[in-house]
Amino acid sequence: MSSVLLKAIETQSKQEDASRSGFMASVLTFLLLSSTGQQLQEDARVNNLTLAQELEQTLALFEQQLFQKQVSQLAVTCQRSLDRMLIYLALLGLRVYQEGERLDRGAGSELPTILGLETRHS
C-alpha cells in the first residue's frame, strides 16, 4: 500500500470518526455486499472489467454527464443535499419523460421533441 493511499485512508477515517480498519470495512462492505455494489460487480463481469475499473468508469460517466456545478448550485438554492437534489432531478426527469410519452401516444404531442427526448415507436 502506497504512503499516499495510506494517508488518504487515515484522513478519511479521521473525518468520519472511524478507525482505519472500520473505515475500510465500511467501504468494502458497500462495494461487495450492498445492492449497488453487487450491481457494480455484475456490470464489471459483463463489461469484462475489474470492480475498480467499473467503479472508475461509472464515476467518470456520472461526472461527465451531469452538470455537477449546476446541480450543486441548485442543491444549495433549494436547500437540499447534493444526493437529494440528484434524486429529485432524476425523478422529475422520469415524470417529464413519462408524461411526454403519454402525450405523444395520445395526441401526437411534440413535447418529447421540444424537450430533446427521443421516443421509440413500435
N, C-alpha and C. Protein backbone atom coordinates (compact mmCIF):
# COMPACT_ATOMS: atom_id res chain seq x y z
N MET A 1 0.86 -1.17 0.00
CA MET A 1 0.00 0.00 0.00
C MET A 1 0.91 1.23 0.00
N SER A 2 0.63 2.15 -0.91
CA SER A 2 1.46 3.34 -1.00
C SER A 2 1.22 4.27 0.18
N SER A 3 2.20 5.11 0.44
CA SER A 3 2.06 6.07 1.54
C SER A 3 0.97 7.09 1.24
N VAL A 4 0.77 7.41 -0.03
CA VAL A 4 -0.29 8.35 -0.42
C VAL A 4 -1.66 7.75 -0.10
N LEU A 5 -1.84 6.48 -0.46
CA LEU A 5 -3.11 5.80 -0.17
C LEU A 5 -3.33 5.69 1.33
N LEU A 6 -2.30 5.30 2.04
CA LEU A 6 -2.41 5.18 3.49
C LEU A 6 -2.79 6.51 4.13
N LYS A 7 -2.21 7.59 3.66
CA LYS A 7 -2.52 8.93 4.18
C LYS A 7 -3.98 9.30 3.86
N ALA A 8 -4.44 8.97 2.64
CA ALA A 8 -5.83 9.26 2.26
C ALA A 8 -6.80 8.47 3.13
N ILE A 9 -6.48 7.22 3.41
CA ILE A 9 -7.32 6.39 4.28
C ILE A 9 -7.35 6.98 5.68
N GLU A 10 -6.19 7.36 6.17
CA GLU A 10 -6.08 7.96 7.51
C GLU A 10 -6.91 9.24 7.59
N THR A 11 -6.78 10.10 6.59
CA THR A 11 -7.52 11.38 6.57
C THR A 11 -9.02 11.14 6.54
N GLN A 12 -9.46 10.25 5.66
CA GLN A 12 -10.90 10.00 5.53
C GLN A 12 -11.46 9.33 6.78
N SER A 13 -10.72 8.41 7.35
CA SER A 13 -11.21 7.74 8.56
C SER A 13 -11.33 8.73 9.72
N LYS A 14 -10.38 9.67 9.82
CA LYS A 14 -10.48 10.69 10.86
C LYS A 14 -11.70 11.58 10.62
N GLN A 15 -11.91 11.94 9.37
CA GLN A 15 -13.07 12.78 9.03
C GLN A 15 -14.37 12.09 9.40
N GLU A 16 -14.40 10.78 9.27
CA GLU A 16 -15.60 10.01 9.59
C GLU A 16 -15.61 9.50 11.02
N ASP A 17 -14.62 9.90 11.80
CA ASP A 17 -14.50 9.49 13.19
C ASP A 17 -14.55 7.97 13.32
N ALA A 18 -13.74 7.32 12.48
CA ALA A 18 -13.67 5.86 12.47
C ALA A 18 -12.21 5.43 12.47
N SER A 19 -11.99 4.21 12.87
CA SER A 19 -10.63 3.68 12.75
C SER A 19 -10.36 3.39 11.28
N ARG A 20 -9.10 3.23 10.93
CA ARG A 20 -8.77 2.89 9.54
C ARG A 20 -9.42 1.58 9.14
N SER A 21 -9.34 0.59 10.02
CA SER A 21 -9.93 -0.71 9.68
C SER A 21 -11.46 -0.62 9.60
N GLY A 22 -12.06 0.17 10.48
CA GLY A 22 -13.51 0.37 10.42
C GLY A 22 -13.93 1.07 9.14
N PHE A 23 -13.17 2.07 8.75
CA PHE A 23 -13.45 2.79 7.51
C PHE A 23 -13.34 1.85 6.31
N MET A 24 -12.24 1.09 6.26
CA MET A 24 -12.03 0.17 5.14
C MET A 24 -13.11 -0.92 5.12
N ALA A 25 -13.51 -1.39 6.28
CA ALA A 25 -14.58 -2.39 6.34
C ALA A 25 -15.88 -1.83 5.79
N SER A 26 -16.19 -0.57 6.10
CA SER A 26 -17.43 0.01 5.59
C SER A 26 -17.38 0.20 4.07
N VAL A 27 -16.22 0.61 3.55
CA VAL A 27 -16.07 0.77 2.10
C VAL A 27 -16.21 -0.59 1.40
N LEU A 28 -15.52 -1.60 1.93
CA LEU A 28 -15.59 -2.92 1.31
C LEU A 28 -16.97 -3.55 1.45
N THR A 29 -17.61 -3.33 2.57
CA THR A 29 -18.97 -3.83 2.75
C THR A 29 -19.89 -3.23 1.69
N PHE A 30 -19.76 -1.94 1.47
CA PHE A 30 -20.57 -1.29 0.44
C PHE A 30 -20.26 -1.88 -0.94
N LEU A 31 -18.98 -1.96 -1.29
CA LEU A 31 -18.60 -2.43 -2.62
C LEU A 31 -18.93 -3.90 -2.87
N LEU A 32 -18.90 -4.71 -1.83
CA LEU A 32 -19.07 -6.14 -2.03
C LEU A 32 -20.44 -6.68 -1.63
N LEU A 33 -21.13 -6.01 -0.71
CA LEU A 33 -22.37 -6.59 -0.19
C LEU A 33 -23.63 -5.79 -0.46
N SER A 34 -23.51 -4.49 -0.70
CA SER A 34 -24.72 -3.69 -0.94
C SER A 34 -25.31 -4.01 -2.31
N SER A 35 -26.57 -3.66 -2.51
CA SER A 35 -27.19 -3.90 -3.82
C SER A 35 -26.48 -3.08 -4.91
N THR A 36 -26.06 -1.88 -4.57
CA THR A 36 -25.33 -1.06 -5.54
C THR A 36 -23.99 -1.71 -5.87
N GLY A 37 -23.29 -2.18 -4.85
CA GLY A 37 -22.02 -2.85 -5.07
C GLY A 37 -22.17 -4.12 -5.88
N GLN A 38 -23.22 -4.86 -5.61
CA GLN A 38 -23.46 -6.09 -6.37
C GLN A 38 -23.78 -5.78 -7.83
N GLN A 39 -24.50 -4.67 -8.07
CA GLN A 39 -24.77 -4.26 -9.44
C GLN A 39 -23.48 -3.86 -10.14
N LEU A 40 -22.60 -3.15 -9.42
CA LEU A 40 -21.29 -2.79 -9.97
C LEU A 40 -20.49 -4.06 -10.32
N GLN A 41 -20.54 -5.05 -9.44
CA GLN A 41 -19.83 -6.30 -9.69
C GLN A 41 -20.36 -6.98 -10.94
N GLU A 42 -21.67 -7.01 -11.07
CA GLU A 42 -22.29 -7.64 -12.25
C GLU A 42 -21.92 -6.88 -13.52
N ASP A 43 -21.98 -5.55 -13.46
CA ASP A 43 -21.60 -4.73 -14.61
C ASP A 43 -20.15 -4.95 -14.98
N ALA A 44 -19.29 -5.09 -13.97
CA ALA A 44 -17.86 -5.35 -14.22
C ALA A 44 -17.69 -6.69 -14.95
N ARG A 45 -18.43 -7.70 -14.49
CA ARG A 45 -18.35 -9.01 -15.16
C ARG A 45 -18.80 -8.90 -16.61
N VAL A 46 -19.93 -8.26 -16.82
CA VAL A 46 -20.49 -8.11 -18.18
C VAL A 46 -19.53 -7.33 -19.08
N ASN A 47 -18.92 -6.29 -18.54
CA ASN A 47 -18.03 -5.44 -19.32
C ASN A 47 -16.58 -5.93 -19.32
N ASN A 48 -16.34 -7.09 -18.68
CA ASN A 48 -15.01 -7.67 -18.59
C ASN A 48 -14.00 -6.69 -18.00
N LEU A 49 -14.38 -6.07 -16.90
CA LEU A 49 -13.54 -5.12 -16.19
C LEU A 49 -13.36 -5.56 -14.74
N THR A 50 -12.36 -5.02 -14.09
CA THR A 50 -12.24 -5.23 -12.65
C THR A 50 -13.28 -4.36 -11.96
N LEU A 51 -13.56 -4.65 -10.72
CA LEU A 51 -14.51 -3.84 -9.96
C LEU A 51 -14.02 -2.40 -9.88
N ALA A 52 -12.74 -2.21 -9.65
CA ALA A 52 -12.18 -0.85 -9.58
C ALA A 52 -12.35 -0.11 -10.91
N GLN A 53 -12.12 -0.80 -12.02
CA GLN A 53 -12.28 -0.17 -13.34
C GLN A 53 -13.75 0.20 -13.59
N GLU A 54 -14.66 -0.69 -13.22
CA GLU A 54 -16.09 -0.42 -13.40
C GLU A 54 -16.52 0.77 -12.56
N LEU A 55 -16.07 0.82 -11.32
CA LEU A 55 -16.39 1.94 -10.45
C LEU A 55 -15.84 3.23 -11.02
N GLU A 56 -14.60 3.19 -11.49
CA GLU A 56 -13.98 4.38 -12.07
C GLU A 56 -14.76 4.86 -13.30
N GLN A 57 -15.14 3.93 -14.18
CA GLN A 57 -15.91 4.31 -15.37
C GLN A 57 -17.27 4.86 -15.01
N THR A 58 -17.91 4.25 -14.03
CA THR A 58 -19.24 4.71 -13.61
C THR A 58 -19.15 6.12 -13.03
N LEU A 59 -18.16 6.35 -12.18
CA LEU A 59 -17.99 7.69 -11.60
C LEU A 59 -17.60 8.71 -12.64
N ALA A 60 -16.75 8.32 -13.59
CA ALA A 60 -16.35 9.24 -14.66
C ALA A 60 -17.55 9.60 -15.52
N LEU A 61 -18.36 8.61 -15.85
CA LEU A 61 -19.57 8.86 -16.65
C LEU A 61 -20.51 9.78 -15.90
N PHE A 62 -20.68 9.50 -14.62
CA PHE A 62 -21.53 10.32 -13.77
C PHE A 62 -21.05 11.77 -13.77
N GLU A 63 -19.75 11.94 -13.63
CA GLU A 63 -19.17 13.28 -13.58
C GLU A 63 -19.28 13.99 -14.93
N GLN A 64 -19.05 13.25 -16.01
CA GLN A 64 -19.08 13.85 -17.34
C GLN A 64 -20.50 14.20 -17.78
N GLN A 65 -21.45 13.35 -17.47
CA GLN A 65 -22.80 13.53 -17.97
C GLN A 65 -23.66 14.46 -17.13
N LEU A 66 -23.33 14.62 -15.89
CA LEU A 66 -24.11 15.52 -15.04
C LEU A 66 -23.38 16.84 -14.90
N PHE A 67 -24.12 17.87 -14.87
CA PHE A 67 -23.55 19.19 -14.72
C PHE A 67 -23.40 19.45 -13.23
N GLN A 68 -22.29 18.93 -12.67
CA GLN A 68 -22.11 18.93 -11.22
C GLN A 68 -22.22 20.32 -10.60
N LYS A 69 -21.61 21.30 -11.22
CA LYS A 69 -21.63 22.64 -10.64
C LYS A 69 -23.06 23.18 -10.61
N GLN A 70 -23.79 22.96 -11.70
CA GLN A 70 -25.18 23.44 -11.74
C GLN A 70 -26.06 22.70 -10.75
N VAL A 71 -25.86 21.39 -10.64
CA VAL A 71 -26.65 20.61 -9.69
C VAL A 71 -26.30 21.03 -8.27
N SER A 72 -25.02 21.26 -8.00
CA SER A 72 -24.61 21.71 -6.67
C SER A 72 -25.22 23.06 -6.33
N GLN A 73 -25.24 23.97 -7.31
CA GLN A 73 -25.85 25.28 -7.09
C GLN A 73 -27.35 25.16 -6.84
N LEU A 74 -28.00 24.29 -7.61
CA LEU A 74 -29.43 24.05 -7.39
C LEU A 74 -29.68 23.50 -6.00
N ALA A 75 -28.84 22.57 -5.58
CA ALA A 75 -28.99 21.97 -4.26
C ALA A 75 -28.91 23.04 -3.17
N VAL A 76 -27.94 23.91 -3.28
CA VAL A 76 -27.80 24.99 -2.30
C VAL A 76 -29.01 25.91 -2.34
N THR A 77 -29.42 26.30 -3.54
CA THR A 77 -30.57 27.19 -3.70
C THR A 77 -31.84 26.57 -3.12
N CYS A 78 -32.01 25.27 -3.34
CA CYS A 78 -33.22 24.58 -2.88
C CYS A 78 -33.08 24.02 -1.47
N GLN A 79 -31.95 24.27 -0.85
CA GLN A 79 -31.66 23.80 0.50
C GLN A 79 -31.82 22.28 0.60
N ARG A 80 -31.21 21.59 -0.39
CA ARG A 80 -31.18 20.14 -0.40
C ARG A 80 -29.73 19.69 -0.41
N SER A 81 -29.49 18.50 0.09
CA SER A 81 -28.15 17.93 -0.05
C SER A 81 -27.97 17.53 -1.52
N LEU A 82 -26.73 17.37 -1.94
CA LEU A 82 -26.45 17.03 -3.33
C LEU A 82 -27.12 15.73 -3.73
N ASP A 83 -27.06 14.71 -2.87
CA ASP A 83 -27.68 13.44 -3.22
C ASP A 83 -29.19 13.56 -3.33
N ARG A 84 -29.81 14.34 -2.45
CA ARG A 84 -31.27 14.55 -2.52
C ARG A 84 -31.64 15.33 -3.79
N MET A 85 -30.80 16.28 -4.18
CA MET A 85 -31.06 17.05 -5.38
C MET A 85 -30.98 16.15 -6.61
N LEU A 86 -29.98 15.28 -6.66
CA LEU A 86 -29.85 14.36 -7.79
C LEU A 86 -31.05 13.42 -7.88
N ILE A 87 -31.49 12.90 -6.74
CA ILE A 87 -32.66 12.03 -6.73
C ILE A 87 -33.88 12.79 -7.21
N TYR A 88 -34.06 14.00 -6.70
CA TYR A 88 -35.21 14.82 -7.11
C TYR A 88 -35.19 15.07 -8.61
N LEU A 89 -34.04 15.45 -9.15
CA LEU A 89 -33.94 15.74 -10.58
C LEU A 89 -34.18 14.48 -11.43
N ALA A 90 -33.66 13.35 -10.97
CA ALA A 90 -33.88 12.10 -11.70
C ALA A 90 -35.37 11.74 -11.72
N LEU A 91 -36.02 11.84 -10.57
CA LEU A 91 -37.46 11.53 -10.50
C LEU A 91 -38.27 12.52 -11.32
N LEU A 92 -37.92 13.78 -11.26
CA LEU A 92 -38.60 14.79 -12.06
C LEU A 92 -38.42 14.51 -13.55
N GLY A 93 -37.21 14.18 -13.94
CA GLY A 93 -36.93 13.84 -15.34
C GLY A 93 -37.73 12.64 -15.81
N LEU A 94 -37.84 11.63 -14.96
CA LEU A 94 -38.64 10.45 -15.32
C LEU A 94 -40.11 10.81 -15.50
N ARG A 95 -40.62 11.65 -14.59
CA ARG A 95 -42.02 12.07 -14.70
C ARG A 95 -42.26 12.86 -15.99
N VAL A 96 -41.36 13.78 -16.30
CA VAL A 96 -41.50 14.58 -17.52
C VAL A 96 -41.43 13.68 -18.74
N TYR A 97 -40.50 12.75 -18.73
CA TYR A 97 -40.36 11.83 -19.86
C TYR A 97 -41.62 10.97 -20.02
N GLN A 98 -42.12 10.41 -18.91
CA GLN A 98 -43.31 9.57 -18.97
C GLN A 98 -44.53 10.37 -19.43
N GLU A 99 -44.65 11.58 -18.95
CA GLU A 99 -45.76 12.43 -19.38
C GLU A 99 -45.64 12.74 -20.86
N GLY A 100 -44.44 13.01 -21.31
CA GLY A 100 -44.22 13.26 -22.74
C GLY A 100 -44.57 12.05 -23.58
N GLU A 101 -44.20 10.87 -23.10
CA GLU A 101 -44.56 9.63 -23.79
C GLU A 101 -46.07 9.47 -23.86
N ARG A 102 -46.74 9.75 -22.74
CA ARG A 102 -48.19 9.61 -22.69
C ARG A 102 -48.84 10.59 -23.65
N LEU A 103 -48.39 11.83 -23.63
CA LEU A 103 -48.95 12.84 -24.53
C LEU A 103 -48.64 12.51 -25.98
N ASP A 104 -47.46 12.00 -26.23
CA ASP A 104 -47.06 11.66 -27.59
C ASP A 104 -47.94 10.55 -28.14
N ARG A 105 -48.23 9.54 -27.31
CA ARG A 105 -49.08 8.44 -27.75
C ARG A 105 -50.52 8.90 -27.93
N GLY A 106 -50.98 9.77 -27.04
CA GLY A 106 -52.38 10.16 -27.04
C GLY A 106 -52.75 11.20 -28.07
N ALA A 107 -51.91 12.19 -28.29
CA ALA A 107 -52.32 13.30 -29.14
C ALA A 107 -51.26 13.72 -30.16
N GLY A 108 -50.23 12.92 -30.32
CA GLY A 108 -49.19 13.29 -31.26
C GLY A 108 -48.42 14.53 -30.82
N SER A 109 -48.29 14.70 -29.52
CA SER A 109 -47.63 15.87 -28.96
C SER A 109 -46.18 15.97 -29.40
N GLU A 110 -45.71 17.19 -29.49
CA GLU A 110 -44.30 17.43 -29.82
C GLU A 110 -43.47 17.67 -28.56
N LEU A 111 -44.05 17.43 -27.36
CA LEU A 111 -43.34 17.69 -26.11
C LEU A 111 -42.01 16.95 -26.02
N PRO A 112 -41.94 15.62 -26.31
CA PRO A 112 -40.64 14.96 -26.22
C PRO A 112 -39.60 15.58 -27.16
N THR A 113 -40.03 16.00 -28.36
CA THR A 113 -39.11 16.63 -29.31
C THR A 113 -38.65 17.98 -28.78
N ILE A 114 -39.57 18.75 -28.24
CA ILE A 114 -39.24 20.06 -27.69
C ILE A 114 -38.24 19.92 -26.54
N LEU A 115 -38.44 18.89 -25.72
CA LEU A 115 -37.57 18.68 -24.57
C LEU A 115 -36.28 17.96 -24.94
N GLY A 116 -36.15 17.57 -26.21
CA GLY A 116 -34.95 16.86 -26.62
C GLY A 116 -34.98 15.39 -26.24
N LEU A 117 -36.17 14.86 -26.02
CA LEU A 117 -36.32 13.45 -25.66
C LEU A 117 -36.77 12.68 -26.89
N GLU A 118 -36.05 11.66 -27.22
CA GLU A 118 -36.43 10.83 -28.36
C GLU A 118 -37.39 9.76 -27.88
N THR A 119 -38.37 9.48 -28.70
CA THR A 119 -39.31 8.40 -28.36
C THR A 119 -39.16 7.30 -29.39
N ARG A 120 -39.47 6.09 -28.96
CA ARG A 120 -39.43 4.94 -29.86
C ARG A 120 -40.85 4.49 -30.11
N HIS A 121 -41.15 4.33 -31.34
CA HIS A 121 -42.48 3.85 -31.71
C HIS A 121 -42.34 2.42 -32.22
N SER A 122 -43.24 1.56 -31.75
CA SER A 122 -43.19 0.14 -32.18
C SER A 122 -43.91 -0.03 -33.47
